Amino acid sequence: MITNRAQIARHHLANQSTPAYSLIRKVCACGKASSAKQLVQHDKCAACALAAVRDAIMPGDFAKLQHMLGAVQQYPKSKWGWRNYFAAGSGQQHEAMRRLVVAGLATAGRAANEMTYFHATRLGCKATGLNAAGIKRAMEDAS
């Protein structure tokens, strides 16, 4: 309980300084509901932002990202994120991984024996459709 008048005044001012729009629900251009804060910061909802990132890379690159995270049809969705690495040699695989790094979906890791290990970022995990538990598994594996 706050009994000091100065603390009461500071708390009151702090509550007023928070933007009023942050919790208001707005509608994105695609028709989905999103917070006004998301729309002000990114001009689109989270789903549209992920779709824009997916469109920025080539289809084969996205398949490599899914393989990197074990997010493929042969594994149940509850197991996705059990791995978070892709060993790319030189050539097409390395170029595909570089495109994923530029898009913010992956990071370059250590290099060993003419191979570079790449790891997915949180955005990459979200783009492949991992749930919160899968993202947590993948991020633990990357560290």
Protein backbone atom coordinates (compact mmCIF):
# COMPACT_ATOMS: atom_id res chain seq x y z
CA MET A 1 0.00 0.00 0.00
CA ILE A 2 1.33 3.41 -0.98
CA THR A 3 1.00 6.03 1.72
CA ASN A 4 3.54 8.61 0.56
CA ARG A 5 1.89 11.45 -1.43
CA ALA A 6 4.94 11.81 -3.68
CA GLN A 7 4.77 8.11 -4.59
CA ILE A 8 1.06 8.43 -5.32
CA ALA A 9 1.76 11.35 -7.64
CA ARG A 10 4.58 9.45 -9.42
CA HIS A 11 2.37 6.38 -9.94
CA HIS A 12 -0.42 8.56 -11.27
CA LEU A 13 1.94 10.27 -13.75
CA ALA A 14 3.43 6.92 -14.79
CA ASN A 15 -0.03 5.54 -15.54
CA GLN A 16 -0.86 8.60 -17.62
CA SER A 17 2.37 8.40 -19.63
CA THR A 18 1.49 4.97 -21.06
CA PRO A 19 -0.03 5.39 -24.53
CA ALA A 20 -3.78 4.94 -24.37
CA TYR A 21 -3.86 3.18 -27.74
CA SER A 22 -1.76 0.20 -26.66
CA LEU A 23 -4.68 -2.00 -25.61
CA ILE A 24 -7.27 -0.86 -28.13
CA ARG A 25 -8.15 -3.52 -30.70
CA LYS A 26 -7.94 -2.38 -34.32
CA VAL A 27 -8.36 -4.17 -37.62
CA CYS A 28 -5.47 -4.75 -40.02
CA ALA A 29 -5.87 -4.25 -43.77
CA CYS A 30 -6.25 -8.04 -44.09
CA GLY A 31 -9.29 -7.93 -41.78
CA LYS A 32 -7.71 -9.58 -38.74
CA ALA A 33 -7.93 -7.98 -35.31
CA SER A 34 -4.66 -6.71 -33.85
CA SER A 35 -3.57 -4.32 -31.12
CA ALA A 36 -3.19 -0.68 -32.08
CA LYS A 37 0.38 -0.79 -30.78
CA GLN A 38 1.26 -3.56 -33.27
CA LEU A 39 -0.31 -1.62 -36.14
CA VAL A 40 1.41 1.64 -35.20
CA GLN A 41 4.83 0.00 -34.89
CA HIS A 42 4.71 -2.31 -37.93
CA ASP A 43 1.81 -1.05 -40.09
CA LYS A 44 0.44 -4.61 -40.20
CA CYS A 45 -0.67 -7.43 -37.92
CA ALA A 46 1.72 -10.19 -36.87
CA ALA A 47 0.26 -12.62 -39.43
CA CYS A 48 0.81 -10.15 -42.28
CA ALA A 49 4.36 -9.44 -41.06
CA LEU A 50 5.17 -13.18 -41.11
CA ALA A 51 3.60 -13.53 -44.56
CA ALA A 52 5.78 -10.68 -45.84
CA VAL A 53 8.88 -12.41 -44.49
CA ARG A 54 7.85 -15.71 -46.12
CA ASP A 55 7.31 -13.93 -49.44
CA ALA A 56 10.81 -12.40 -49.24
CA ILE A 57 12.53 -15.79 -49.43
CA MET A 58 12.43 -18.55 -52.01
CA PRO A 59 10.18 -21.63 -51.46
CA GLY A 60 13.17 -23.98 -51.23
CA ASP A 61 14.66 -21.78 -48.51
CA PHE A 62 11.56 -22.20 -46.38
CA ALA A 63 11.80 -26.00 -46.73
CA LYS A 64 15.38 -25.79 -45.43
CA LEU A 65 14.19 -23.71 -42.48
CA GLN A 66 11.57 -26.35 -41.68
CA HIS A 67 14.21 -29.09 -41.90
CA MET A 68 16.49 -27.04 -39.63
CA LEU A 69 13.80 -27.14 -36.91
CA GLY A 70 12.59 -30.69 -37.52
CA ALA A 71 9.23 -29.21 -38.57
CA VAL A 72 8.47 -31.72 -41.30
CA GLN A 73 5.58 -34.09 -41.96
CA GLN A 74 7.38 -37.22 -40.73
CA TYR A 75 7.48 -35.88 -37.15
CA PRO A 76 4.38 -35.09 -35.08
CA LYS A 77 3.81 -31.38 -34.58
CA SER A 78 4.29 -31.81 -30.82
CA LYS A 79 7.95 -32.77 -31.48
CA TRP A 80 8.78 -29.83 -33.79
CA GLY A 81 11.71 -27.79 -32.57
CA TRP A 82 13.61 -30.85 -31.34
CA ARG A 83 16.60 -29.62 -33.36
CA ASN A 84 17.80 -26.17 -34.35
CA TYR A 85 20.73 -26.43 -36.74
CA PHE A 86 21.51 -26.81 -40.41
CA ALA A 87 25.03 -27.67 -41.60
CA ALA A 88 25.50 -25.99 -44.97
CA GLY A 89 28.47 -26.46 -47.22
CA SER A 90 29.36 -24.12 -50.03
CA GLY A 91 27.02 -23.65 -52.96
CA GLN A 92 23.24 -23.54 -53.09
CA GLN A 93 22.68 -24.56 -49.47
CA HIS A 94 24.95 -21.83 -48.19
CA GLU A 95 23.27 -19.22 -50.39
CA ALA A 96 19.84 -20.33 -49.17
CA MET A 97 20.97 -20.02 -45.56
CA ARG A 98 22.40 -16.55 -46.27
CA ARG A 99 18.99 -15.47 -47.61
CA LEU A 100 17.37 -16.74 -44.39
CA VAL A 101 19.91 -14.76 -42.33
CA VAL A 102 19.16 -11.59 -44.30
CA ALA A 103 15.42 -12.15 -43.77
CA GLY A 104 16.01 -12.49 -40.01
CA LEU A 105 14.86 -16.11 -39.85
CA ALA A 106 18.28 -17.64 -39.06
CA THR A 107 21.72 -16.80 -37.70
CA ALA A 108 25.12 -18.10 -38.73
CA GLY A 109 26.91 -20.20 -36.14
CA ARG A 110 30.29 -21.85 -36.00
CA ALA A 111 32.18 -23.07 -39.03
CA ALA A 112 33.81 -26.50 -39.07
CA ASN A 113 35.30 -28.60 -41.87
CA GLU A 114 34.12 -26.33 -44.70
CA MET A 115 30.59 -26.39 -43.22
CA THR A 116 28.79 -23.55 -41.47
CA TYR A 117 26.13 -24.28 -38.88
CA PHE A 118 23.04 -22.09 -39.04
CA HIS A 119 20.39 -21.75 -36.32
CA ALA A 120 16.81 -20.48 -36.54
CA THR A 121 15.76 -17.32 -34.71
CA ARG A 122 12.51 -16.86 -32.79
CA LEU A 123 11.01 -15.25 -35.90
CA GLY A 124 12.09 -18.28 -37.93
CA CYS A 125 10.44 -20.58 -35.40
CA LYS A 126 7.21 -18.58 -35.59
CA ALA A 127 7.30 -18.56 -39.38
CA THR A 128 7.46 -22.36 -39.49
CA GLY A 129 4.47 -22.65 -37.16
CA LEU A 130 6.12 -23.81 -33.94
CA ASN A 131 4.07 -23.35 -30.79
CA ALA A 132 5.50 -21.83 -27.59
CA ALA A 133 6.85 -25.18 -26.35
CA GLY A 134 8.51 -25.88 -29.70
CA ILE A 135 10.10 -22.43 -29.75
CA LYS A 136 11.42 -22.99 -26.24
CA ARG A 137 12.92 -26.37 -27.27
CA ALA A 138 14.51 -24.87 -30.35
CA MET A 139 15.99 -21.90 -28.51
CA GLU A 140 17.47 -24.21 -25.84
CA ASP A 141 19.07 -26.30 -28.58
CA ALA A 142 20.59 -23.21 -30.25
CA SER A 143 22.44 -22.09 -27.14
